[in-house]
Amino acid sequence: MKFFLLLAAFFVVIWLMRGGRRRVPPSPPPQAPVVPPAGAPSASESIVACVHCGLHLPQSEAVTGEVGWFCGDAHRQAHDIDARS
């Protein structure tokens, strides 16, 4: 019995000397933040809908009119003509 206790103590000492646990692999290095290309809408930019056709687009790309936002000059002018008739 004494032999098994000494053998167990020996293995515990060896186990503790080697680290005792599985080593955790090192975490990957942090990645550089992704920079959106120039001209791309930012994540916090407002999205508006064209009054004429309902298309959703970033506010920086929209054309403003008397009654709201439009996706282009053609729809702004078409809406003005439709409103007058």
N, C-alpha and C. Protein backbone atom coordinates (compact mmCIF):
# COMPACT_ATOMS: atom_id res chain seq x y z
N MET A 1 0.83 -1.18 0.00
CA MET A 1 0.00 0.00 0.00
C MET A 1 0.88 1.26 0.00
N LYS A 2 1.94 1.23 0.77
CA LYS A 2 2.85 2.37 0.84
C LYS A 2 3.46 2.64 -0.53
N PHE A 3 3.72 1.60 -1.28
CA PHE A 3 4.30 1.72 -2.62
C PHE A 3 3.36 2.48 -3.55
N PHE A 4 2.07 2.18 -3.51
CA PHE A 4 1.10 2.86 -4.37
C PHE A 4 0.95 4.33 -4.00
N LEU A 5 1.01 4.66 -2.72
CA LEU A 5 0.94 6.05 -2.29
C LEU A 5 2.17 6.82 -2.77
N LEU A 6 3.34 6.22 -2.68
CA LEU A 6 4.55 6.88 -3.17
C LEU A 6 4.51 7.06 -4.68
N LEU A 7 4.03 6.03 -5.38
CA LEU A 7 3.91 6.11 -6.84
C LEU A 7 2.91 7.20 -7.25
N ALA A 8 1.77 7.29 -6.55
CA ALA A 8 0.77 8.31 -6.84
C ALA A 8 1.34 9.70 -6.55
N ALA A 9 2.05 9.84 -5.42
CA ALA A 9 2.66 11.12 -5.08
C ALA A 9 3.68 11.52 -6.14
N PHE A 10 4.46 10.56 -6.63
CA PHE A 10 5.45 10.82 -7.67
C PHE A 10 4.77 11.36 -8.93
N PHE A 11 3.68 10.72 -9.36
CA PHE A 11 2.98 11.17 -10.57
C PHE A 11 2.32 12.54 -10.37
N VAL A 12 1.83 12.81 -9.17
CA VAL A 12 1.25 14.14 -8.89
C VAL A 12 2.32 15.21 -8.98
N VAL A 13 3.50 14.94 -8.43
CA VAL A 13 4.60 15.90 -8.48
C VAL A 13 5.02 16.15 -9.93
N ILE A 14 5.15 15.08 -10.70
CA ILE A 14 5.52 15.22 -12.12
C ILE A 14 4.44 16.02 -12.85
N TRP A 15 3.18 15.71 -12.58
CA TRP A 15 2.06 16.40 -13.25
C TRP A 15 2.09 17.89 -12.92
N LEU A 16 2.35 18.24 -11.66
CA LEU A 16 2.41 19.64 -11.26
C LEU A 16 3.60 20.36 -11.88
N MET A 17 4.71 19.66 -12.02
CA MET A 17 5.91 20.27 -12.60
C MET A 17 5.71 20.56 -14.09
N ARG A 18 4.93 19.76 -14.77
CA ARG A 18 4.72 19.94 -16.22
C ARG A 18 3.62 20.96 -16.51
N GLY A 19 2.99 21.48 -15.52
CA GLY A 19 1.97 22.50 -15.76
C GLY A 19 0.63 22.12 -15.21
N GLY A 20 0.40 20.87 -14.99
CA GLY A 20 -0.82 20.42 -14.35
C GLY A 20 -2.05 20.39 -15.23
N ARG A 21 -2.13 21.25 -16.15
CA ARG A 21 -3.31 21.32 -17.02
C ARG A 21 -2.87 21.38 -18.46
N ARG A 22 -3.82 21.17 -19.32
CA ARG A 22 -3.52 21.36 -20.74
C ARG A 22 -3.24 22.82 -20.98
N ARG A 23 -2.31 23.06 -21.80
CA ARG A 23 -1.96 24.45 -22.09
C ARG A 23 -3.02 25.03 -23.04
N VAL A 24 -3.42 26.24 -22.74
CA VAL A 24 -4.38 26.95 -23.58
C VAL A 24 -3.61 27.53 -24.76
N PRO A 25 -4.06 27.25 -25.99
CA PRO A 25 -3.34 27.82 -27.14
C PRO A 25 -3.41 29.35 -27.10
N PRO A 26 -2.36 29.99 -27.53
CA PRO A 26 -2.38 31.46 -27.50
C PRO A 26 -3.48 32.00 -28.40
N SER A 27 -4.07 33.10 -27.96
CA SER A 27 -5.14 33.69 -28.75
C SER A 27 -4.54 34.32 -30.01
N PRO A 28 -5.30 34.33 -31.10
CA PRO A 28 -4.79 34.93 -32.33
C PRO A 28 -4.57 36.43 -32.14
N PRO A 29 -3.63 36.99 -32.86
CA PRO A 29 -3.38 38.43 -32.71
C PRO A 29 -4.61 39.22 -33.15
N PRO A 30 -4.85 40.37 -32.54
CA PRO A 30 -6.03 41.16 -32.92
C PRO A 30 -5.93 41.61 -34.37
N GLN A 31 -7.06 41.57 -35.03
CA GLN A 31 -7.09 41.97 -36.44
C GLN A 31 -7.28 43.48 -36.54
N ALA A 32 -6.75 44.02 -37.60
CA ALA A 32 -6.90 45.46 -37.85
C ALA A 32 -8.37 45.74 -38.15
N PRO A 33 -8.90 46.87 -37.70
CA PRO A 33 -10.30 47.20 -37.99
C PRO A 33 -10.51 47.38 -39.49
N VAL A 34 -11.68 46.97 -39.93
CA VAL A 34 -12.02 47.08 -41.35
C VAL A 34 -12.44 48.53 -41.63
N VAL A 35 -11.78 49.13 -42.57
CA VAL A 35 -12.08 50.51 -42.94
C VAL A 35 -12.96 50.48 -44.19
N PRO A 36 -14.17 51.06 -44.12
CA PRO A 36 -15.02 51.05 -45.30
C PRO A 36 -14.41 51.90 -46.40
N PRO A 37 -14.65 51.55 -47.65
CA PRO A 37 -14.10 52.35 -48.75
C PRO A 37 -14.71 53.75 -48.76
N ALA A 38 -13.95 54.67 -49.32
CA ALA A 38 -14.42 56.06 -49.38
C ALA A 38 -15.71 56.12 -50.19
N GLY A 39 -16.65 56.87 -49.72
CA GLY A 39 -17.92 57.02 -50.43
C GLY A 39 -18.96 56.02 -49.98
N ALA A 40 -18.57 55.02 -49.19
CA ALA A 40 -19.55 54.05 -48.69
C ALA A 40 -20.32 54.68 -47.54
N PRO A 41 -21.60 54.38 -47.42
CA PRO A 41 -22.37 54.98 -46.33
C PRO A 41 -21.88 54.45 -44.99
N SER A 42 -21.82 55.32 -44.00
CA SER A 42 -21.39 54.90 -42.68
C SER A 42 -22.53 54.15 -41.99
N ALA A 43 -22.18 53.44 -40.93
CA ALA A 43 -23.18 52.64 -40.23
C ALA A 43 -24.22 53.52 -39.54
N SER A 44 -23.90 54.76 -39.24
CA SER A 44 -24.83 55.60 -38.53
C SER A 44 -25.58 56.57 -39.43
N GLU A 45 -25.43 56.43 -40.74
CA GLU A 45 -26.09 57.35 -41.67
C GLU A 45 -27.57 56.99 -41.79
N SER A 46 -28.40 58.01 -41.91
CA SER A 46 -29.85 57.81 -42.02
C SER A 46 -30.20 57.25 -43.40
N ILE A 47 -31.21 56.40 -43.41
CA ILE A 47 -31.74 55.84 -44.65
C ILE A 47 -33.08 56.50 -44.90
N VAL A 48 -33.30 56.98 -46.11
CA VAL A 48 -34.55 57.65 -46.47
C VAL A 48 -35.19 56.92 -47.64
N ALA A 49 -36.47 57.14 -47.82
CA ALA A 49 -37.20 56.51 -48.92
C ALA A 49 -37.59 57.57 -49.94
N CYS A 50 -37.48 57.22 -51.21
CA CYS A 50 -37.89 58.11 -52.29
C CYS A 50 -39.41 58.27 -52.22
N VAL A 51 -39.86 59.52 -52.27
CA VAL A 51 -41.30 59.79 -52.20
C VAL A 51 -42.01 59.25 -53.44
N HIS A 52 -41.34 59.24 -54.58
CA HIS A 52 -41.96 58.85 -55.84
C HIS A 52 -42.05 57.32 -55.99
N CYS A 53 -40.93 56.61 -55.76
CA CYS A 53 -40.93 55.17 -56.03
C CYS A 53 -40.76 54.31 -54.78
N GLY A 54 -40.39 54.90 -53.64
CA GLY A 54 -40.26 54.15 -52.40
C GLY A 54 -38.90 53.49 -52.20
N LEU A 55 -37.95 53.72 -53.09
CA LEU A 55 -36.62 53.15 -52.97
C LEU A 55 -35.93 53.69 -51.72
N HIS A 56 -35.31 52.80 -50.92
CA HIS A 56 -34.57 53.22 -49.74
C HIS A 56 -33.10 53.41 -50.11
N LEU A 57 -32.54 54.55 -49.70
CA LEU A 57 -31.14 54.86 -50.00
C LEU A 57 -30.57 55.74 -48.91
N PRO A 58 -29.23 55.80 -48.80
CA PRO A 58 -28.62 56.66 -47.79
C PRO A 58 -28.96 58.13 -48.04
N GLN A 59 -29.10 58.88 -46.99
CA GLN A 59 -29.49 60.28 -47.10
C GLN A 59 -28.46 61.08 -47.89
N SER A 60 -27.18 60.70 -47.82
CA SER A 60 -26.15 61.45 -48.55
C SER A 60 -26.28 61.28 -50.06
N GLU A 61 -26.94 60.22 -50.52
CA GLU A 61 -27.12 59.98 -51.96
C GLU A 61 -28.48 60.47 -52.46
N ALA A 62 -29.35 60.86 -51.56
CA ALA A 62 -30.70 61.27 -51.93
C ALA A 62 -30.73 62.74 -52.35
N VAL A 63 -31.75 63.07 -53.14
CA VAL A 63 -31.97 64.44 -53.59
C VAL A 63 -33.18 64.97 -52.82
N THR A 64 -33.03 66.15 -52.25
CA THR A 64 -34.13 66.71 -51.47
C THR A 64 -35.07 67.51 -52.37
N GLY A 65 -36.33 67.44 -52.05
CA GLY A 65 -37.34 68.18 -52.81
C GLY A 65 -38.26 68.92 -51.85
N GLU A 66 -39.33 69.48 -52.38
CA GLU A 66 -40.26 70.26 -51.54
C GLU A 66 -41.01 69.37 -50.55
N VAL A 67 -41.30 68.14 -50.94
CA VAL A 67 -42.11 67.27 -50.08
C VAL A 67 -41.32 66.15 -49.42
N GLY A 68 -40.04 66.01 -49.70
CA GLY A 68 -39.27 64.94 -49.07
C GLY A 68 -38.02 64.58 -49.86
N TRP A 69 -37.63 63.34 -49.76
CA TRP A 69 -36.41 62.83 -50.39
C TRP A 69 -36.73 62.05 -51.66
N PHE A 70 -35.85 62.15 -52.65
CA PHE A 70 -36.01 61.45 -53.92
C PHE A 70 -34.72 60.72 -54.26
N CYS A 71 -34.83 59.67 -55.08
CA CYS A 71 -33.63 58.90 -55.44
C CYS A 71 -32.86 59.57 -56.58
N GLY A 72 -33.42 60.53 -57.23
CA GLY A 72 -32.73 61.25 -58.30
C GLY A 72 -33.54 62.44 -58.77
N ASP A 73 -32.92 63.25 -59.63
CA ASP A 73 -33.61 64.44 -60.14
C ASP A 73 -34.82 64.07 -61.00
N ALA A 74 -34.73 62.97 -61.73
CA ALA A 74 -35.84 62.57 -62.60
C ALA A 74 -37.09 62.29 -61.77
N HIS A 75 -36.96 61.62 -60.64
CA HIS A 75 -38.14 61.33 -59.82
C HIS A 75 -38.63 62.58 -59.11
N ARG A 76 -37.71 63.48 -58.74
CA ARG A 76 -38.14 64.74 -58.12
C ARG A 76 -38.96 65.55 -59.11
N GLN A 77 -38.49 65.64 -60.35
CA GLN A 77 -39.22 66.39 -61.37
C GLN A 77 -40.53 65.69 -61.72
N ALA A 78 -40.50 64.37 -61.83
CA ALA A 78 -41.74 63.64 -62.16
C ALA A 78 -42.79 63.81 -61.05
N HIS A 79 -42.38 63.83 -59.82
CA HIS A 79 -43.31 64.02 -58.72
C HIS A 79 -43.89 65.43 -58.72
N ASP A 80 -43.05 66.43 -59.06
CA ASP A 80 -43.53 67.81 -59.15
C ASP A 80 -44.56 67.96 -60.26
N ILE A 81 -44.33 67.28 -61.40
CA ILE A 81 -45.28 67.34 -62.52
C ILE A 81 -46.57 66.65 -62.15
N ASP A 82 -46.47 65.47 -61.48
CA ASP A 82 -47.69 64.74 -61.07
C ASP A 82 -48.49 65.54 -60.03
N ALA A 83 -47.79 66.25 -59.17
CA ALA A 83 -48.49 67.02 -58.13
C ALA A 83 -49.23 68.22 -58.72
N ARG A 84 -48.71 68.78 -59.79
CA ARG A 84 -49.35 69.94 -60.43
C ARG A 84 -50.58 69.55 -61.23
N SER A 85 -50.62 68.34 -61.77
CA SER A 85 -51.76 67.95 -62.61
C SER A 85 -52.94 67.50 -61.82
